[in-house]
Protein backbone atom coordinates (compact mmCIF):
# COMPACT_ATOMS: atom_id res chain seq x y z
CA MET A 1 4.53 1.53 -28.48
CA ALA A 2 5.55 4.42 -30.69
CA GLY A 3 3.03 3.37 -33.28
CA GLY A 4 0.30 3.22 -30.62
CA ARG A 5 1.08 6.70 -29.35
CA SER A 6 1.08 8.04 -32.89
CA ARG A 7 -2.31 6.48 -33.53
CA LYS A 8 -3.77 8.01 -30.36
CA LEU A 9 -2.32 11.39 -31.27
CA VAL A 10 -4.02 11.15 -34.64
CA ILE A 11 -7.26 10.11 -32.92
CA GLY A 12 -7.07 13.05 -30.56
CA LEU A 13 -6.47 15.49 -33.37
CA ALA A 14 -9.14 13.86 -35.51
CA PHE A 15 -11.61 14.23 -32.64
CA SER A 16 -11.14 17.98 -32.89
CA ALA A 17 -11.04 18.01 -36.66
CA ILE A 18 -14.35 16.17 -36.98
CA ILE A 19 -16.14 18.99 -35.22
CA LEU A 20 -14.22 21.85 -36.71
CA ALA A 21 -14.58 20.74 -40.30
CA GLY A 22 -17.42 22.62 -41.93
CA CYS A 23 -18.23 24.66 -38.83
CA THR A 24 -18.85 28.37 -38.88
CA ALA A 25 -16.46 30.68 -37.04
CA GLN A 26 -19.03 30.96 -34.25
CA GLU A 27 -19.35 27.19 -33.97
CA ARG A 28 -15.59 26.73 -33.93
CA ASP A 29 -15.38 29.26 -31.13
CA GLY A 30 -18.07 27.36 -29.26
CA TYR A 31 -16.10 24.15 -29.56
CA ALA A 32 -12.95 25.82 -28.30
CA LYS A 33 -14.89 26.85 -25.20
CA GLY A 34 -16.23 23.35 -24.75
CA ASN A 35 -19.80 24.13 -25.80
CA ILE A 36 -20.20 21.42 -28.44
CA PRO A 37 -22.01 18.48 -26.79
CA LEU A 38 -20.23 15.13 -26.62
CA GLU A 39 -23.49 13.44 -27.60
CA THR A 40 -22.31 14.19 -31.15
CA PHE A 41 -19.74 11.40 -30.85
CA SER A 42 -19.86 7.66 -30.48
CA ALA A 43 -18.75 5.86 -27.33
CA GLU A 44 -15.63 4.64 -29.11
CA GLN A 45 -14.66 8.14 -30.21
CA ILE A 46 -15.03 9.57 -26.70
CA PHE A 47 -13.16 6.61 -25.23
CA GLU A 48 -10.29 7.12 -27.66
CA ARG A 49 -10.20 10.79 -26.72
CA GLY A 50 -9.74 9.66 -23.11
CA GLU A 51 -6.84 7.44 -24.20
CA TYR A 52 -5.35 10.38 -26.05
CA GLU A 53 -5.47 12.50 -22.90
CA LEU A 54 -3.82 9.67 -20.96
CA ASP A 55 -0.98 9.64 -23.47
CA ARG A 56 -0.59 13.36 -22.77
CA LYS A 57 -0.41 12.50 -19.03
CA ASP A 58 -3.53 14.54 -18.36
CA GLY A 59 -5.35 12.15 -16.06
CA GLU A 60 -7.98 14.67 -15.04
CA ARG A 61 -9.21 15.26 -18.58
CA ALA A 62 -8.91 11.57 -19.38
CA ALA A 63 -11.10 10.72 -16.38
CA TYR A 64 -13.65 13.26 -17.59
CA TYR A 65 -13.94 11.68 -21.03
CA PHE A 66 -14.11 8.16 -19.63
CA GLY A 67 -16.84 9.34 -17.28
CA GLU A 68 -18.74 10.79 -20.21
CA VAL A 69 -18.65 7.42 -21.97
CA GLU A 70 -20.27 5.87 -18.90
CA ARG A 71 -22.84 8.65 -18.68
CA LEU A 72 -23.82 8.74 -22.34
CA TYR A 73 -23.57 5.01 -23.09
CA PRO A 74 -24.22 3.37 -19.70
CA TYR A 75 -25.02 -0.15 -20.94
CA SER A 76 -22.37 -0.50 -23.61
CA ASP A 77 -19.16 -2.48 -23.53
CA TRP A 78 -17.35 0.83 -23.94
CA SER A 79 -18.90 2.01 -20.69
CA LYS A 80 -17.44 -0.98 -18.84
CA ARG A 81 -14.01 -0.36 -20.31
CA ALA A 82 -14.26 3.36 -19.60
CA LEU A 83 -15.02 2.77 -15.92
CA ILE A 84 -11.80 0.84 -15.25
CA MET A 85 -9.83 3.38 -17.30
CA GLN A 86 -11.37 6.19 -15.28
CA ALA A 87 -10.13 4.53 -12.08
CA TYR A 88 -6.65 4.36 -13.59
CA ALA A 89 -6.78 7.97 -14.79
CA TYR A 90 -7.76 9.23 -11.35
CA HIS A 91 -4.94 7.21 -9.81
CA LEU A 92 -2.52 8.75 -12.27
CA GLU A 93 -3.58 12.15 -10.92
CA LYS A 94 -3.21 10.91 -7.32
CA ASP A 95 -6.91 11.53 -6.85
CA TYR A 96 -7.12 8.42 -4.72
CA GLU A 97 -10.64 8.90 -3.41
CA ASN A 98 -12.18 9.10 -6.88
CA SER A 99 -9.93 6.31 -8.14
CA ARG A 100 -11.16 4.10 -5.32
CA SER A 101 -14.76 5.05 -6.02
CA SER A 102 -14.49 4.14 -9.72
CA ALA A 103 -12.68 0.90 -8.97
CA GLN A 104 -15.28 -0.10 -6.38
CA ARG A 105 -18.11 0.61 -8.82
CA TYR A 106 -16.41 -1.61 -11.36
CA ILE A 107 -16.13 -4.43 -8.81
CA ASP A 108 -19.78 -3.99 -7.82
CA PHE A 109 -21.05 -3.95 -11.43
CA TYR A 110 -18.69 -6.49 -13.00
CA PRO A 111 -17.42 -8.82 -10.22
CA THR A 112 -16.68 -11.72 -12.58
CA ASP A 113 -15.10 -9.69 -15.38
CA ASP A 114 -11.46 -10.24 -16.34
CA ASP A 115 -10.58 -6.71 -15.20
CA ALA A 116 -12.14 -7.13 -11.75
CA ALA A 117 -8.75 -8.21 -10.39
CA TYR A 118 -7.16 -5.05 -11.74
CA ALA A 119 -9.96 -2.94 -10.25
CA GLN A 120 -9.36 -4.52 -6.84
CA TYR A 121 -5.62 -3.95 -7.25
CA LEU A 122 -6.20 -0.27 -8.08
CA LEU A 123 -8.41 0.02 -5.04
CA ALA A 124 -5.63 -1.41 -2.89
CA LEU A 125 -3.09 0.95 -4.47
CA SER A 126 -5.32 3.91 -3.62
CA TYR A 127 -4.49 3.16 0.02
CA TYR A 128 -1.00 1.76 -0.40
CA ASP A 129 0.43 4.70 -2.34
CA GLN A 130 -0.42 7.01 0.55
CA ILE A 131 1.52 5.17 3.27
CA GLU A 132 5.08 5.83 2.13
CA GLU A 133 5.83 8.09 5.09
CA VAL A 134 6.10 6.26 8.43
CA GLY A 135 4.56 9.17 10.32
CA ARG A 136 1.24 9.08 8.50
CA ASP A 137 -2.05 7.79 9.85
CA GLN A 138 -1.80 4.02 10.22
CA GLY A 139 -5.47 3.60 9.32
CA LEU A 140 -4.45 3.81 5.67
CA THR A 141 -1.96 0.99 6.20
CA PHE A 142 -4.59 -1.29 7.69
CA GLN A 143 -6.95 -0.52 4.82
CA ALA A 144 -4.18 -1.21 2.31
CA LEU A 145 -3.44 -4.55 3.97
CA GLN A 146 -7.10 -5.53 3.86
CA ALA A 147 -7.48 -4.56 0.20
CA LEU A 148 -4.23 -6.28 -0.81
CA ARG A 149 -5.29 -9.42 1.02
CA THR A 150 -8.51 -9.40 -1.01
CA VAL A 151 -6.50 -9.37 -4.25
CA ILE A 152 -4.33 -12.24 -3.01
CA GLU A 153 -7.21 -14.39 -1.80
CA ARG A 154 -9.84 -13.60 -4.42
CA TYR A 155 -7.55 -13.52 -7.46
CA PRO A 156 -4.60 -15.79 -6.58
CA ASP A 157 -3.88 -16.67 -10.21
CA SER A 158 -4.00 -13.12 -11.51
CA GLU A 159 -0.93 -11.15 -12.56
CA TYR A 160 -1.60 -8.76 -9.67
CA ALA A 161 -1.39 -11.36 -6.89
CA ARG A 162 2.40 -11.47 -6.73
CA SER A 163 2.73 -7.69 -6.66
CA SER A 164 0.07 -7.60 -3.94
CA ILE A 165 2.02 -10.09 -1.84
CA LEU A 166 5.15 -7.95 -2.06
CA LYS A 167 3.24 -4.80 -1.19
CA PHE A 168 1.45 -6.60 1.64
CA ASP A 169 4.81 -7.52 3.18
CA LEU A 170 6.04 -3.94 2.81
CA ALA A 171 2.88 -2.52 4.36
CA PHE A 172 3.15 -5.01 7.22
CA ASP A 173 6.76 -3.92 7.74
CA HIS A 174 5.53 -0.33 7.71
CA LEU A 175 3.26 -0.99 10.69
CA ALA A 176 6.18 -2.47 12.61
CA ALA A 177 8.28 0.58 11.70
CA LYS A 178 5.61 2.82 13.20
CA GLU A 179 5.62 0.83 16.43
CA MET A 180 9.41 1.10 16.56
CA GLU A 181 9.29 4.84 15.97
CA ILE A 182 6.89 5.35 18.89
CA GLY A 183 8.82 2.92 21.09
CA ARG A 184 12.10 4.76 20.51
CA TYR A 185 10.35 8.03 21.28
CA TYR A 186 9.22 6.71 24.67
CA LEU A 187 12.60 5.13 25.37
CA ARG A 188 14.46 8.40 24.78
CA ARG A 189 12.15 10.10 27.27
CA GLN A 190 12.59 7.30 29.81
CA HIS A 191 8.97 6.18 29.63
CA TYR A 192 10.13 2.60 29.82
CA GLY A 193 6.79 0.90 30.37
CA ALA A 194 5.24 2.55 27.30
CA ALA A 195 8.35 1.76 25.25
CA ILE A 196 8.28 -1.90 26.29
CA ASN A 197 4.65 -2.20 25.15
CA ARG A 198 5.57 -0.97 21.66
CA PHE A 199 8.63 -3.20 21.31
CA ARG A 200 6.65 -6.14 22.65
CA SER A 201 4.06 -5.56 19.93
CA VAL A 202 6.77 -5.83 17.28
CA VAL A 203 8.18 -9.06 18.77
CA GLU A 204 4.79 -10.71 19.20
CA ASP A 205 2.81 -9.39 16.23
CA PHE A 206 5.46 -8.56 13.62
CA GLN A 207 8.03 -11.33 14.04
CA THR A 208 8.49 -11.72 10.29
CA THR A 209 9.51 -8.10 9.72
CA THR A 210 13.00 -6.62 9.63
CA HIS A 211 12.39 -4.71 12.87
CA THR A 212 12.33 -7.65 15.29
CA PRO A 213 16.09 -7.70 16.07
CA GLU A 214 16.12 -4.03 17.02
CA ALA A 215 12.93 -4.45 19.05
CA LEU A 216 14.61 -7.18 21.12
CA HIS A 217 17.67 -5.01 21.66
CA ARG A 218 15.52 -2.06 22.75
CA LEU A 219 13.73 -4.37 25.17
CA VAL A 220 17.09 -5.24 26.70
CA GLU A 221 17.83 -1.53 27.09
CA ALA A 222 14.43 -0.77 28.62
CA TYR A 223 14.45 -3.72 31.02
CA LEU A 224 17.96 -2.94 32.22
CA SER A 225 16.90 0.65 32.84
CA LEU A 226 14.11 -0.67 35.06
CA GLY A 227 16.43 -3.11 36.84
CA LEU A 228 14.60 -6.13 35.37
CA VAL A 229 17.72 -8.19 34.71
CA ASN A 230 15.99 -11.52 34.11
CA GLU A 231 13.76 -10.05 31.40
CA ALA A 232 16.72 -8.28 29.79
CA GLN A 233 18.71 -11.53 29.67
CA THR A 234 15.74 -13.42 28.21
CA ALA A 235 15.27 -10.85 25.43
CA GLY A 236 19.02 -11.06 24.78
CA ALA A 237 18.86 -14.84 24.57
CA ILE A 238 16.06 -14.69 21.99
CA LEU A 239 18.04 -12.16 20.00
CA GLY A 240 21.19 -14.26 20.18
CA TYR A 241 19.46 -17.42 19.05
CA ASN A 242 17.60 -15.95 16.09
CA TYR A 243 19.64 -12.94 14.98
CA GLN A 244 23.21 -13.58 16.07
CA GLY A 245 24.63 -12.13 12.85
CA THR A 246 23.04 -8.71 13.33
CA VAL A 247 24.54 -5.52 14.75
CA TRP A 248 21.73 -5.54 17.31
CA TYR A 249 23.03 -8.78 18.79
CA ALA A 250 26.54 -7.35 18.96
CA ASP A 251 25.20 -4.27 20.77
CA THR A 252 23.15 -6.39 23.16
CA TYR A 253 26.07 -8.71 23.88
CA ALA A 254 28.30 -5.74 24.67
CA LEU A 255 25.60 -4.15 26.83
CA LEU A 256 24.98 -7.27 28.93
CA THR A 257 28.56 -8.46 29.29
CA GLY A 258 29.61 -4.89 30.09
CA ARG A 259 27.47 -5.23 33.20
CA GLY A 260 28.80 -8.66 34.04
CA LEU A 261 25.66 -10.40 32.77
CA GLU A 262 25.23 -13.35 30.44
CA LEU A 263 22.60 -14.05 27.82
CA LYS A 264 20.25 -16.27 29.76
CA LEU A 265 19.75 -19.64 28.11
CA LYS A 266 17.35 -21.20 30.63
CA VAL A 267 14.02 -19.49 31.08
CA SER A 268 11.51 -20.07 33.84
CA GLY A 269 8.15 -18.52 34.58
CA ASP A 270 5.23 -17.79 32.29
CA ASN A 271 5.62 -14.13 31.37
CA TRP A 272 5.28 -13.05 27.75
CA LEU A 273 9.02 -13.14 27.03
CA ALA A 274 9.30 -16.66 28.44
CA GLN A 275 6.52 -17.73 26.10
CA VAL A 276 8.24 -16.10 23.11
CA TYR A 277 11.49 -17.77 24.13
CA ARG A 278 9.87 -21.20 24.25
CA GLN A 279 8.24 -20.59 20.87
CA MET A 280 11.17 -19.07 18.98
CA VAL A 281 14.05 -20.98 20.58
CA LYS A 282 12.54 -24.23 21.83
CA GLY A 283 9.84 -24.58 19.18
CA GLN A 284 7.20 -25.17 21.88
CA TRP A 285 4.10 -23.54 20.40
CA LEU A 286 1.49 -25.00 22.74
């Protein structure tokens, strides 16, 4: 790695030296101001200048040089390589919109190329890296999930598939976290019907996430607040069967038994909780 960085440093300095050597003072001043046209250089030289800027962590300038390779030598192999590097450089600068645009162009122009998987992965990251905060617009999360799924399904044998699976699970968990956040907000303000709808969404649509035990406990709280004892006991029974080792089960058990209630083990009726109970506890999926 050290040798590679040294080589790129030399390339970057040589790029400048090539122009400056033999120039007049006026010409050297013109180069310093960026007035010497890049057409003077080969695609490889401009590409290597882009790599040099990347080594300096200047993604904006790197993206510029990679873009110039594509502009000046549009049908060359260097142009293809520069396009994927431009997507990476923009991502380095957190310029996600331009990173996504470059990555999408690469996919459109070179769908069967070896780097197409990486381009799709960068495109997915352009959404994923913006969803770290739970309070942000969930549209980005859905777009990240869709793009990550494309990597997984279209390039299952690529080195990016496993990372995409992990990120997909985290993004999916993120959606459940958002539902929980809104549900708790409604619960604190005693809007029990609205809270139940959010917690129900987690139980039905996000069963594989880490938020399901708490969602069941919050359902118990909300149903008890509404006087719906049967529903509260059913939610408690589901929680007890699947997540008995969690603190949420302990809290639910204390809440129900403190009111002289038991966790209901026999469920009748055809409401949504009864269906979940039959699926999760009885294994009756039809």
